[in-house]
């Protein structure tokens, strides 16, 4: 790996100068208000129609793909 240039080393030193040391950093603890604001997870039974539609689209895509492969043998 190539050696870092002086400019890159000076830039890194400048950027790190303003950062707090790990012992000085204040830990972030989620509050009860932040966790209560998260929406509840939806039940999967509410999306049964989506799964049916996805299944239908997958079957249609597979059929069309098979048709394209079959036609590639006959049309050249």
PDB file of N, CA and C in Angstrom:
ATOM      1  N   UNK A   1       0.842  -1.163   0.000  1.00  0.00           N
ATOM      2  CA  UNK A   1       0.000   0.000   0.000  1.00  0.00           C
ATOM      3  C   UNK A   1       0.891   1.231   0.000  1.00  0.00           C
ATOM      4  N   UNK A   2       0.475   2.263  -0.702  1.00  0.00           N
ATOM      5  CA  UNK A   2       1.280   3.463  -0.828  1.00  0.00           C
ATOM      6  C   UNK A   2       1.314   4.242   0.478  1.00  0.00           C
ATOM      7  N   UNK A   3       2.438   4.945   0.677  1.00  0.00           N
ATOM      8  CA  UNK A   3       2.601   5.754   1.873  1.00  0.00           C
ATOM      9  C   UNK A   3       1.738   7.007   1.756  1.00  0.00           C
ATOM     10  N   UNK A   4       1.154   7.447   2.862  1.00  0.00           N
ATOM     11  CA  UNK A   4       0.306   8.632   2.834  1.00  0.00           C
ATOM     12  C   UNK A   4       1.156   9.872   2.652  1.00  0.00           C
ATOM     13  N   UNK A   5       0.606  10.813   1.909  1.00  0.00           N
ATOM     14  CA  UNK A   5       1.338  12.054   1.688  1.00  0.00           C
ATOM     15  C   UNK A   5       1.242  12.935   2.935  1.00  0.00           C
ATOM     16  N   UNK A   6       2.099  13.951   2.983  1.00  0.00           N
ATOM     17  CA  UNK A   6       2.069  14.866   4.121  1.00  0.00           C
ATOM     18  C   UNK A   6       0.733  15.591   4.201  1.00  0.00           C
ATOM     19  N   UNK A   7       0.207  15.945   3.057  1.00  0.00           N
ATOM     20  CA  UNK A   7      -1.072  16.663   3.028  1.00  0.00           C
ATOM     21  C   UNK A   7      -2.187  15.808   3.640  1.00  0.00           C
ATOM     22  N   UNK A   8      -2.211  14.504   3.316  1.00  0.00           N
ATOM     23  CA  UNK A   8      -3.239  13.624   3.854  1.00  0.00           C
ATOM     24  C   UNK A   8      -3.076  13.455   5.361  1.00  0.00           C
ATOM     25  N   UNK A   9      -1.826  13.356   5.839  1.00  0.00           N
ATOM     26  CA  UNK A   9      -1.597  13.200   7.276  1.00  0.00           C
ATOM     27  C   UNK A   9      -1.989  14.466   8.031  1.00  0.00           C
ATOM     28  N   UNK A  10      -1.684  15.653   7.469  1.00  0.00           N
ATOM     29  CA  UNK A  10      -2.056  16.904   8.123  1.00  0.00           C
ATOM     30  C   UNK A  10      -3.566  17.057   8.168  1.00  0.00           C
ATOM     31  N   UNK A  11      -4.241  16.655   7.089  1.00  0.00           N
ATOM     32  CA  UNK A  11      -5.697  16.752   7.049  1.00  0.00           C
ATOM     33  C   UNK A  11      -6.342  15.859   8.092  1.00  0.00           C
ATOM     34  N   UNK A  12      -5.795  14.650   8.274  1.00  0.00           N
ATOM     35  CA  UNK A  12      -6.347  13.732   9.275  1.00  0.00           C
ATOM     36  C   UNK A  12      -6.148  14.295  10.672  1.00  0.00           C
ATOM     37  N   UNK A  13      -4.963  14.885  10.933  1.00  0.00           N
ATOM     38  CA  UNK A  13      -4.681  15.446  12.256  1.00  0.00           C
ATOM     39  C   UNK A  13      -5.620  16.613  12.538  1.00  0.00           C
ATOM     40  N   UNK A  14      -5.885  17.446  11.522  1.00  0.00           N
ATOM     41  CA  UNK A  14      -6.782  18.582  11.685  1.00  0.00           C
ATOM     42  C   UNK A  14      -8.204  18.138  11.985  1.00  0.00           C
ATOM     43  N   UNK A  15      -8.663  17.087  11.307  1.00  0.00           N
ATOM     44  CA  UNK A  15     -10.032  16.604  11.514  1.00  0.00           C
ATOM     45  C   UNK A  15     -10.189  15.967  12.882  1.00  0.00           C
ATOM     46  N   UNK A  16      -9.171  15.293  13.373  1.00  0.00           N
ATOM     47  CA  UNK A  16      -9.270  14.596  14.645  1.00  0.00           C
ATOM     48  C   UNK A  16      -9.092  15.527  15.838  1.00  0.00           C
ATOM     49  N   UNK A  17      -8.597  16.727  15.618  1.00  0.00           N
ATOM     50  CA  UNK A  17      -8.329  17.639  16.708  1.00  0.00           C
ATOM     51  C   UNK A  17      -9.598  18.019  17.470  1.00  0.00           C
ATOM     52  N   UNK A  18     -10.721  18.195  16.806  1.00  0.00           N
ATOM     53  CA  UNK A  18     -11.942  18.635  17.449  1.00  0.00           C
ATOM     54  C   UNK A  18     -12.773  17.517  18.046  1.00  0.00           C
ATOM     55  N   UNK A  19     -12.412  16.284  17.818  1.00  0.00           N
ATOM     56  CA  UNK A  19     -13.199  15.154  18.312  1.00  0.00           C
ATOM     57  C   UNK A  19     -12.914  14.897  19.795  1.00  0.00           C
ATOM     58  N   UNK A  20     -13.942  14.570  20.570  1.00  0.00           N
ATOM     59  CA  UNK A  20     -13.698  14.246  21.980  1.00  0.00           C
ATOM     60  C   UNK A  20     -13.063  12.866  22.111  1.00  0.00           C
ATOM     61  N   UNK A  21     -12.303  12.699  23.155  1.00  0.00           N
ATOM     62  CA  UNK A  21     -11.687  11.414  23.444  1.00  0.00           C
ATOM     63  C   UNK A  21     -12.789  10.480  23.925  1.00  0.00           C
ATOM     64  N   UNK A  22     -12.622   9.187  23.719  1.00  0.00           N
ATOM     65  CA  UNK A  22     -13.665   8.224  24.058  1.00  0.00           C
ATOM     66  C   UNK A  22     -14.082   8.326  25.527  1.00  0.00           C
ATOM     67  N   UNK A  23     -13.142   8.641  26.432  1.00  0.00           N
ATOM     68  CA  UNK A  23     -13.496   8.745  27.850  1.00  0.00           C
ATOM     69  C   UNK A  23     -14.330   9.995  28.125  1.00  0.00           C
ATOM     70  N   UNK A  24     -14.223  11.013  27.251  1.00  0.00           N
ATOM     71  CA  UNK A  24     -14.985  12.241  27.431  1.00  0.00           C
ATOM     72  C   UNK A  24     -16.349  12.185  26.767  1.00  0.00           C
ATOM     73  N   UNK A  25     -16.541  11.247  25.880  1.00  0.00           N
ATOM     74  CA  UNK A  25     -17.783  11.178  25.122  1.00  0.00           C
ATOM     75  C   UNK A  25     -18.942  10.806  26.041  1.00  0.00           C
ATOM     76  N   UNK A  26     -20.075  11.426  25.809  1.00  0.00           N
ATOM     77  CA  UNK A  26     -21.274  11.161  26.591  1.00  0.00           C
ATOM     78  C   UNK A  26     -22.049  10.048  25.908  1.00  0.00           C
ATOM     79  N   UNK A  27     -22.363   8.959  26.614  1.00  0.00           N
ATOM     80  CA  UNK A  27     -23.117   7.877  25.973  1.00  0.00           C
ATOM     81  C   UNK A  27     -24.546   8.319  25.668  1.00  0.00           C
ATOM     82  N   UNK A  28     -25.044   7.873  24.547  1.00  0.00           N
ATOM     83  CA  UNK A  28     -26.406   8.202  24.140  1.00  0.00           C
ATOM     84  C   UNK A  28     -27.319   7.064  24.573  1.00  0.00           C
ATOM     85  N   UNK A  29     -28.284   7.391  25.414  1.00  0.00           N
ATOM     86  CA  UNK A  29     -29.224   6.405  25.931  1.00  0.00           C
ATOM     87  C   UNK A  29     -30.612   6.765  25.406  1.00  0.00           C
ATOM     88  N   UNK A  30     -31.289   5.846  24.742  1.00  0.00           N
ATOM     89  CA  UNK A  30     -32.622   6.181  24.240  1.00  0.00           C
ATOM     90  C   UNK A  30     -33.585   6.424  25.396  1.00  0.00           C
ATOM     91  N   UNK A  31     -34.408   7.424  25.221  1.00  0.00           N
ATOM     92  CA  UNK A  31     -35.378   7.739  26.266  1.00  0.00           C
ATOM     93  C   UNK A  31     -36.663   6.985  26.002  1.00  0.00           C
ATOM     94  N   UNK A  32     -37.524   6.974  26.996  1.00  0.00           N
ATOM     95  CA  UNK A  32     -38.801   6.287  26.870  1.00  0.00           C
ATOM     96  C   UNK A  32     -39.662   6.948  25.802  1.00  0.00           C
ATOM     97  N   UNK A  33     -39.574   8.275  25.678  1.00  0.00           N
ATOM     98  CA  UNK A  33     -40.369   8.990  24.685  1.00  0.00           C
ATOM     99  C   UNK A  33     -39.938   8.614  23.269  1.00  0.00           C
ATOM    100  N   UNK A  34     -38.628   8.410  23.069  1.00  0.00           N
ATOM    101  CA  UNK A  34     -38.138   8.055  21.738  1.00  0.00           C
ATOM    102  C   UNK A  34     -38.587   6.651  21.353  1.00  0.00           C
ATOM    103  N   UNK A  35     -38.594   5.725  22.295  1.00  0.00           N
ATOM    104  CA  UNK A  35     -38.998   4.366  21.960  1.00  0.00           C
ATOM    105  C   UNK A  35     -40.509   4.249  21.839  1.00  0.00           C
ATOM    106  N   UNK A  36     -41.249   5.092  22.557  1.00  0.00           N
ATOM    107  CA  UNK A  36     -42.706   5.044  22.483  1.00  0.00           C
ATOM    108  C   UNK A  36     -43.208   5.625  21.165  1.00  0.00           C
ATOM    109  N   UNK A  37     -42.390   6.458  20.499  1.00  0.00           N
ATOM    110  CA  UNK A  37     -42.805   7.088  19.256  1.00  0.00           C
ATOM    111  C   UNK A  37     -42.734   6.130  18.067  1.00  0.00           C
ATOM    112  N   UNK A  38     -42.073   4.986  18.222  1.00  0.00           N
ATOM    113  CA  UNK A  38     -41.959   4.039  17.118  1.00  0.00           C
ATOM    114  C   UNK A  38     -43.313   3.388  16.856  1.00  0.00           C
ATOM    115  N   UNK A  39     -43.708   3.308  15.586  1.00  0.00           N
ATOM    116  CA  UNK A  39     -44.997   2.680  15.289  1.00  0.00           C
ATOM    117  C   UNK A  39     -44.947   1.180  15.523  1.00  0.00           C
ATOM    118  N   UNK A  40     -46.059   0.567  15.863  1.00  0.00           N
ATOM    119  CA  UNK A  40     -46.062  -0.885  16.072  1.00  0.00           C
ATOM    120  C   UNK A  40     -45.869  -1.615  14.746  1.00  0.00           C
ATOM    121  N   UNK A  41     -45.299  -2.801  14.815  1.00  0.00           N
ATOM    122  CA  UNK A  41     -45.097  -3.596  13.605  1.00  0.00           C
ATOM    123  C   UNK A  41     -46.430  -4.129  13.109  1.00  0.00           C
ATOM    124  N   UNK A  42     -46.651  -4.070  11.794  1.00  0.00           N
ATOM    125  CA  UNK A  42     -47.923  -4.592  11.271  1.00  0.00           C
ATOM    126  C   UNK A  42     -47.933  -6.120  11.288  1.00  0.00           C
ATOM    127  N   UNK A  43     -49.111  -6.675  11.445  1.00  0.00           N
ATOM    128  CA  UNK A  43     -49.264  -8.124  11.372  1.00  0.00           C
ATOM    129  C   UNK A  43     -49.206  -8.545   9.917  1.00  0.00           C
ATOM    130  N   UNK A  44     -48.629  -9.710   9.667  1.00  0.00           N
ATOM    131  CA  UNK A  44     -48.485 -10.170   8.290  1.00  0.00           C
ATOM    132  C   UNK A  44     -49.817 -10.572   7.677  1.00  0.00           C
ATOM    133  N   UNK A  45     -50.806 -10.916   8.479  1.00  0.00           N
ATOM    134  CA  UNK A  45     -52.092 -11.324   7.908  1.00  0.00           C
ATOM    135  C   UNK A  45     -52.796 -10.151   7.232  1.00  0.00           C
ATOM    136  N   UNK A  46     -52.371  -8.914   7.537  1.00  0.00           N
ATOM    137  CA  UNK A  46     -52.952  -7.754   6.871  1.00  0.00           C
ATOM    138  C   UNK A  46     -52.480  -7.648   5.427  1.00  0.00           C
ATOM    139  N   UNK A  47     -51.393  -8.311   5.099  1.00  0.00           N
ATOM    140  CA  UNK A  47     -50.810  -8.206   3.762  1.00  0.00           C
ATOM    141  C   UNK A  47     -50.950  -9.498   2.969  1.00  0.00           C
ATOM    142  N   UNK A  48     -51.919 -10.317   3.281  1.00  0.00           N
ATOM    143  CA  UNK A  48     -52.091 -11.574   2.552  1.00  0.00           C
ATOM    144  C   UNK A  48     -52.360 -11.333   1.071  1.00  0.00           C
ATOM    145  N   UNK A  49     -53.087 -10.284   0.757  1.00  0.00           N
ATOM    146  CA  UNK A  49     -53.366  -9.996  -0.654  1.00  0.00           C
ATOM    147  C   UNK A  49     -52.092  -9.622  -1.395  1.00  0.00           C
ATOM    148  N   UNK A  50     -51.138  -9.007  -0.714  1.00  0.00           N
ATOM    149  CA  UNK A  50     -49.872  -8.645  -1.356  1.00  0.00           C
ATOM    150  C   UNK A  50     -49.090  -9.904  -1.692  1.00  0.00           C
ATOM    151  N   UNK A  51     -49.062 -10.859  -0.750  1.00  0.00           N
ATOM    152  CA  UNK A  51     -48.348 -12.108  -1.016  1.00  0.00           C
ATOM    153  C   UNK A  51     -48.976 -12.853  -2.191  1.00  0.00           C
ATOM    154  N   UNK A  52     -50.291 -12.829  -2.290  1.00  0.00           N
ATOM    155  CA  UNK A  52     -50.966 -13.464  -3.423  1.00  0.00           C
ATOM    156  C   UNK A  52     -50.609 -12.792  -4.741  1.00  0.00           C
ATOM    157  N   UNK A  53     -50.575 -11.464  -4.725  1.00  0.00           N
ATOM    158  CA  UNK A  53     -50.203 -10.727  -5.940  1.00  0.00           C
ATOM    159  C   UNK A  53     -48.759 -11.007  -6.336  1.00  0.00           C
ATOM    160  N   UNK A  54     -47.863 -11.042  -5.348  1.00  0.00           N
ATOM    161  CA  UNK A  54     -46.458 -11.331  -5.649  1.00  0.00           C
ATOM    162  C   UNK A  54     -46.293 -12.732  -6.226  1.00  0.00           C
ATOM    163  N   UNK A  55     -47.037 -13.676  -5.701  1.00  0.00           N
ATOM    164  CA  UNK A  55     -46.984 -15.049  -6.212  1.00  0.00           C
ATOM    165  C   UNK A  55     -47.465 -15.094  -7.658  1.00  0.00           C
ATOM    166  N   UNK A  56     -48.554 -14.380  -7.939  1.00  0.00           N
ATOM    167  CA  UNK A  56     -49.102 -14.340  -9.291  1.00  0.00           C
ATOM    168  C   UNK A  56     -48.125 -13.688 -10.262  1.00  0.00           C
ATOM    169  N   UNK A  57     -47.472 -12.614  -9.844  1.00  0.00           N
ATOM    170  CA  UNK A  57     -46.495 -11.930 -10.701  1.00  0.00           C
ATOM    171  C   UNK A  57     -45.287 -12.828 -10.946  1.00  0.00           C
ATOM    172  N   UNK A  58     -44.819 -13.545  -9.917  1.00  0.00           N
ATOM    173  CA  UNK A  58     -43.675 -14.442 -10.080  1.00  0.00           C
ATOM    174  C   UNK A  58     -43.988 -15.566 -11.055  1.00  0.00           C
ATOM    175  N   UNK A  59     -45.200 -16.118 -10.971  1.00  0.00           N
ATOM    176  CA  UNK A  59     -45.601 -17.194 -11.891  1.00  0.00           C
ATOM    177  C   UNK A  59     -45.664 -16.667 -13.318  1.00  0.00           C
ATOM    178  N   UNK A  60     -46.232 -15.481 -13.485  1.00  0.00           N
ATOM    179  CA  UNK A  60     -46.328 -14.882 -14.813  1.00  0.00           C
ATOM    180  C   UNK A  60     -44.943 -14.593 -15.389  1.00  0.00           C
ATOM    181  N   UNK A  61     -44.028 -14.067 -14.554  1.00  0.00           N
ATOM    182  CA  UNK A  61     -42.669 -13.777 -15.018  1.00  0.00           C
ATOM    183  C   UNK A  61     -41.944 -15.055 -15.413  1.00  0.00           C
ATOM    184  N   UNK A  62     -42.102 -16.113 -14.636  1.00  0.00           N
ATOM    185  CA  UNK A  62     -41.454 -17.391 -14.964  1.00  0.00           C
ATOM    186  C   UNK A  62     -42.004 -17.962 -16.271  1.00  0.00           C
ATOM    187  N   UNK A  63     -43.318 -17.830 -16.469  1.00  0.00           N
ATOM    188  CA  UNK A  63     -43.925 -18.338 -17.697  1.00  0.00           C
ATOM    189  C   UNK A  63     -43.429 -17.561 -18.921  1.00  0.00           C
ATOM    190  N   UNK A  64     -43.356 -16.253 -18.801  1.00  0.00           N
ATOM    191  CA  UNK A  64     -42.865 -15.444 -19.923  1.00  0.00           C
ATOM    192  C   UNK A  64     -41.386 -15.697 -20.194  1.00  0.00           C
ATOM    193  N   UNK A  65     -40.622 -15.898 -19.147  1.00  0.00           N
ATOM    194  CA  UNK A  65     -39.206 -16.213 -19.318  1.00  0.00           C
ATOM    195  C   UNK A  65     -39.037 -17.553 -20.022  1.00  0.00           C
ATOM    196  N   UNK A  66     -39.832 -18.536 -19.643  1.00  0.00           N
ATOM    197  CA  UNK A  66     -39.786 -19.844 -20.303  1.00  0.00           C
ATOM    198  C   UNK A  66     -40.213 -19.720 -21.762  1.00  0.00           C
ATOM    199  N   UNK A  67     -41.200 -18.871 -22.023  1.00  0.00           N
ATOM    200  CA  UNK A  67     -41.644 -18.637 -23.407  1.00  0.00           C
ATOM    201  C   UNK A  67     -40.520 -18.023 -24.236  1.00  0.00           C
ATOM    202  N   UNK A  68     -39.802 -17.074 -23.665  1.00  0.00           N
ATOM    203  CA  UNK A  68     -38.678 -16.456 -24.380  1.00  0.00           C
ATOM    204  C   UNK A  68     -37.589 -17.483 -24.686  1.00  0.00           C
ATOM    205  N   UNK A  69     -37.292 -18.353 -23.728  1.00  0.00           N
ATOM    206  CA  UNK A  69     -36.279 -19.386 -23.961  1.00  0.00           C
ATOM    207  C   UNK A  69     -36.756 -20.351 -25.032  1.00  0.00           C
ATOM    208  N   UNK A  70     -38.017 -20.737 -24.981  1.00  0.00           N
ATOM    209  CA  UNK A  70     -38.568 -21.649 -25.993  1.00  0.00           C
ATOM    210  C   UNK A  70     -38.557 -21.024 -27.378  1.00  0.00           C
ATOM    211  N   UNK A  71     -38.930 -19.763 -27.471  1.00  0.00           N
ATOM    212  CA  UNK A  71     -38.923 -19.096 -28.779  1.00  0.00           C
ATOM    213  C   UNK A  71     -37.513 -18.904 -29.319  1.00  0.00           C
ATOM    214  N   UNK A  72     -36.513 -18.789 -28.417  1.00  0.00           N
ATOM    215  CA  UNK A  72     -35.143 -18.601 -28.904  1.00  0.00           C
ATOM    216  C   UNK A  72     -34.641 -19.845 -29.654  1.00  0.00           C
ATOM    217  N   UNK A  73     -35.214 -21.024 -29.377  1.00  0.00           N
ATOM    218  CA  UNK A  73     -34.803 -22.239 -30.096  1.00  0.00           C
ATOM    219  C   UNK A  73     -35.427 -22.286 -31.502  1.00  0.00           C
ATOM    220  N   UNK A  74     -36.632 -21.707 -31.629  1.00  0.00           N
ATOM    221  CA  UNK A  74     -37.333 -21.789 -32.922  1.00  0.00           C
ATOM    222  C   UNK A  74     -37.046 -20.592 -33.828  1.00  0.00           C
ATOM    223  N   UNK A  75     -36.835 -19.444 -33.252  1.00  0.00           N
ATOM    224  CA  UNK A  75     -36.587 -18.227 -34.067  1.00  0.00           C
ATOM    225  C   UNK A  75     -35.101 -17.900 -34.008  1.00  0.00           C
ATOM    226  N   UNK A  76     -34.479 -17.978 -35.160  1.00  0.00           N
ATOM    227  CA  UNK A  76     -33.047 -17.624 -35.225  1.00  0.00           C
ATOM    228  C   UNK A  76     -32.800 -16.754 -36.399  1.00  0.00           C
TER     229      UNK A  76
END
